[in-house]
């Protein structure tokens, strides 16, 4: 559940937390509800696999004020879902690497070629 402004892709490290060890059945709504007691949550996101949509076991929670992060950081190891204790720490901006970009480029090329083959076969 992401209430953040979708037109803005600005990363705000001062207001965001990394949440690790998330159970695969947890939802964004559960994550949102688990952290709203520490302050106004702007967004809660569980990172999912690009192809399957399955949870990768981590996510991010963004608060409206950086003051709210202190209370949430104190919850490290106390919050849990289905027997798994969450790991809560400050989020750091991930550096993009060449492997990620190359993987996406190859995927896009394959998808484009597949679409072009489909169009040719149905339109001829």
Protein backbone atom coordinates (compact mmCIF):
# COMPACT_ATOMS: atom_id res chain seq x y z
CA UNK A 1 0.00 0.00 0.00
CA UNK A 2 1.77 3.08 -1.18
CA UNK A 3 0.31 6.46 -0.38
CA UNK A 4 3.37 8.31 -1.63
CA UNK A 5 3.07 10.72 -4.51
CA UNK A 6 3.50 8.46 -7.52
CA UNK A 7 4.78 11.29 -9.71
CA UNK A 8 7.73 11.85 -7.37
CA UNK A 9 10.54 9.32 -7.43
CA UNK A 10 12.66 11.28 -4.96
CA UNK A 11 14.35 9.01 -2.46
CA UNK A 12 14.33 10.38 1.08
CA UNK A 13 16.82 8.50 3.24
CA UNK A 14 16.01 10.59 6.30
CA UNK A 15 12.43 9.31 6.42
CA UNK A 16 12.83 5.69 5.24
CA UNK A 17 13.52 2.40 6.98
CA UNK A 18 14.66 -0.92 5.56
CA UNK A 19 12.58 -3.83 6.87
CA UNK A 20 14.15 -7.27 6.55
CA UNK A 21 13.09 -10.85 7.27
CA UNK A 22 9.51 -10.22 6.10
CA UNK A 23 7.41 -13.38 5.88
CA UNK A 24 6.36 -14.25 2.32
CA UNK A 25 2.67 -14.05 3.28
CA UNK A 26 2.91 -10.54 4.77
CA UNK A 27 1.18 -7.78 2.83
CA UNK A 28 1.90 -4.10 2.34
CA UNK A 29 -1.20 -3.33 4.41
CA UNK A 30 0.13 -5.41 7.30
CA UNK A 31 3.50 -3.62 7.07
CA UNK A 32 1.74 -0.26 7.00
CA UNK A 33 -0.39 -1.14 10.05
CA UNK A 34 2.58 -2.57 11.99
CA UNK A 35 4.51 0.72 11.77
CA UNK A 36 1.74 3.33 11.99
CA UNK A 37 1.94 3.26 15.78
CA UNK A 38 5.35 4.97 15.51
CA UNK A 39 4.03 7.89 13.45
CA UNK A 40 2.39 8.89 10.19
CA UNK A 41 3.40 6.32 7.56
CA UNK A 42 3.60 7.76 4.06
CA UNK A 43 4.25 4.47 2.27
CA UNK A 44 4.94 0.81 2.92
CA UNK A 45 6.35 -1.40 0.20
CA UNK A 46 7.38 -5.04 0.04
CA UNK A 47 9.87 -5.75 -2.73
CA UNK A 48 8.65 -8.50 -5.02
CA UNK A 49 10.20 -10.67 -7.71
CA UNK A 50 9.85 -9.09 -11.15
CA UNK A 51 8.58 -12.25 -12.81
CA UNK A 52 6.63 -14.14 -10.14
CA UNK A 53 5.43 -11.34 -7.87
CA UNK A 54 6.60 -13.32 -4.83
CA UNK A 55 7.98 -11.41 -1.87
CA UNK A 56 11.77 -11.16 -1.69
CA UNK A 57 11.57 -10.93 2.10
CA UNK A 58 12.35 -7.24 2.53
CA UNK A 59 10.71 -3.89 2.09
CA UNK A 60 10.65 -0.23 3.03
CA UNK A 61 8.54 2.00 5.25
CA UNK A 62 8.58 5.77 4.80
CA UNK A 63 7.42 8.18 7.50
CA UNK A 64 6.34 11.78 7.14
CA UNK A 65 8.90 12.97 9.72
CA UNK A 66 12.37 11.68 10.57
CA UNK A 67 11.53 11.88 14.30
CA UNK A 68 9.23 8.87 13.88
CA UNK A 69 12.13 6.69 12.78
CA UNK A 70 13.64 6.56 16.29
CA UNK A 71 10.69 4.68 17.76
CA UNK A 72 10.51 2.31 14.83
CA UNK A 73 14.25 1.58 15.06
CA UNK A 74 13.75 0.63 18.70
CA UNK A 75 11.28 -2.02 17.49
CA UNK A 76 14.09 -3.96 15.79
CA UNK A 77 13.58 -7.63 16.65
CA UNK A 78 10.33 -7.06 18.57
CA UNK A 79 7.85 -6.88 15.69
CA UNK A 80 7.05 -10.10 13.90
CA UNK A 81 4.73 -11.92 11.56
CA UNK A 82 4.09 -15.67 11.75
CA UNK A 83 7.08 -16.32 13.98
CA UNK A 84 9.59 -14.23 12.05
CA UNK A 85 11.10 -11.23 13.82
CA UNK A 86 11.54 -8.20 11.58
CA UNK A 87 14.92 -6.59 11.11
CA UNK A 88 14.52 -2.80 11.16
CA UNK A 89 17.32 -0.43 10.17
CA UNK A 90 17.88 2.82 8.33
CA UNK A 91 17.66 2.44 4.59
CA UNK A 92 20.57 3.33 2.39
CA UNK A 93 20.28 4.23 -1.25
CA UNK A 94 21.38 1.25 -3.32
CA UNK A 95 23.97 1.90 -5.95
CA UNK A 96 22.91 0.69 -9.38
CA UNK A 97 25.22 -1.86 -10.90
CA UNK A 98 25.84 -2.89 -14.48
CA UNK A 99 24.36 -6.37 -13.94
CA UNK A 100 20.92 -4.95 -13.10
CA UNK A 101 20.92 -2.66 -16.14
CA UNK A 102 22.10 -5.41 -18.48
CA UNK A 103 19.49 -7.84 -17.17
CA UNK A 104 16.70 -5.33 -17.74
CA UNK A 105 18.02 -4.48 -21.21
CA UNK A 106 18.12 -8.15 -22.24
CA UNK A 107 14.63 -8.74 -20.86
CA UNK A 108 13.27 -5.73 -22.77
CA UNK A 109 14.93 -6.89 -26.00
CA UNK A 110 13.42 -10.38 -25.64
CA UNK A 111 9.95 -9.00 -24.87
CA UNK A 112 10.13 -6.59 -27.83
CA UNK A 113 11.20 -9.37 -30.18
CA UNK A 114 8.41 -11.61 -28.87
CA UNK A 115 5.81 -8.90 -29.44
CA UNK A 116 7.11 -8.21 -32.93
CA UNK A 117 6.92 -11.95 -33.82
CA UNK A 118 3.35 -12.08 -32.50
CA UNK A 119 2.33 -9.02 -34.49
CA UNK A 120 3.92 -10.39 -37.67
CA UNK A 121 2.23 -13.77 -37.29
CA UNK A 122 -1.25 -12.37 -36.66
CA UNK A 123 -1.09 -9.53 -39.17
CA UNK A 124 0.25 -11.42 -42.21
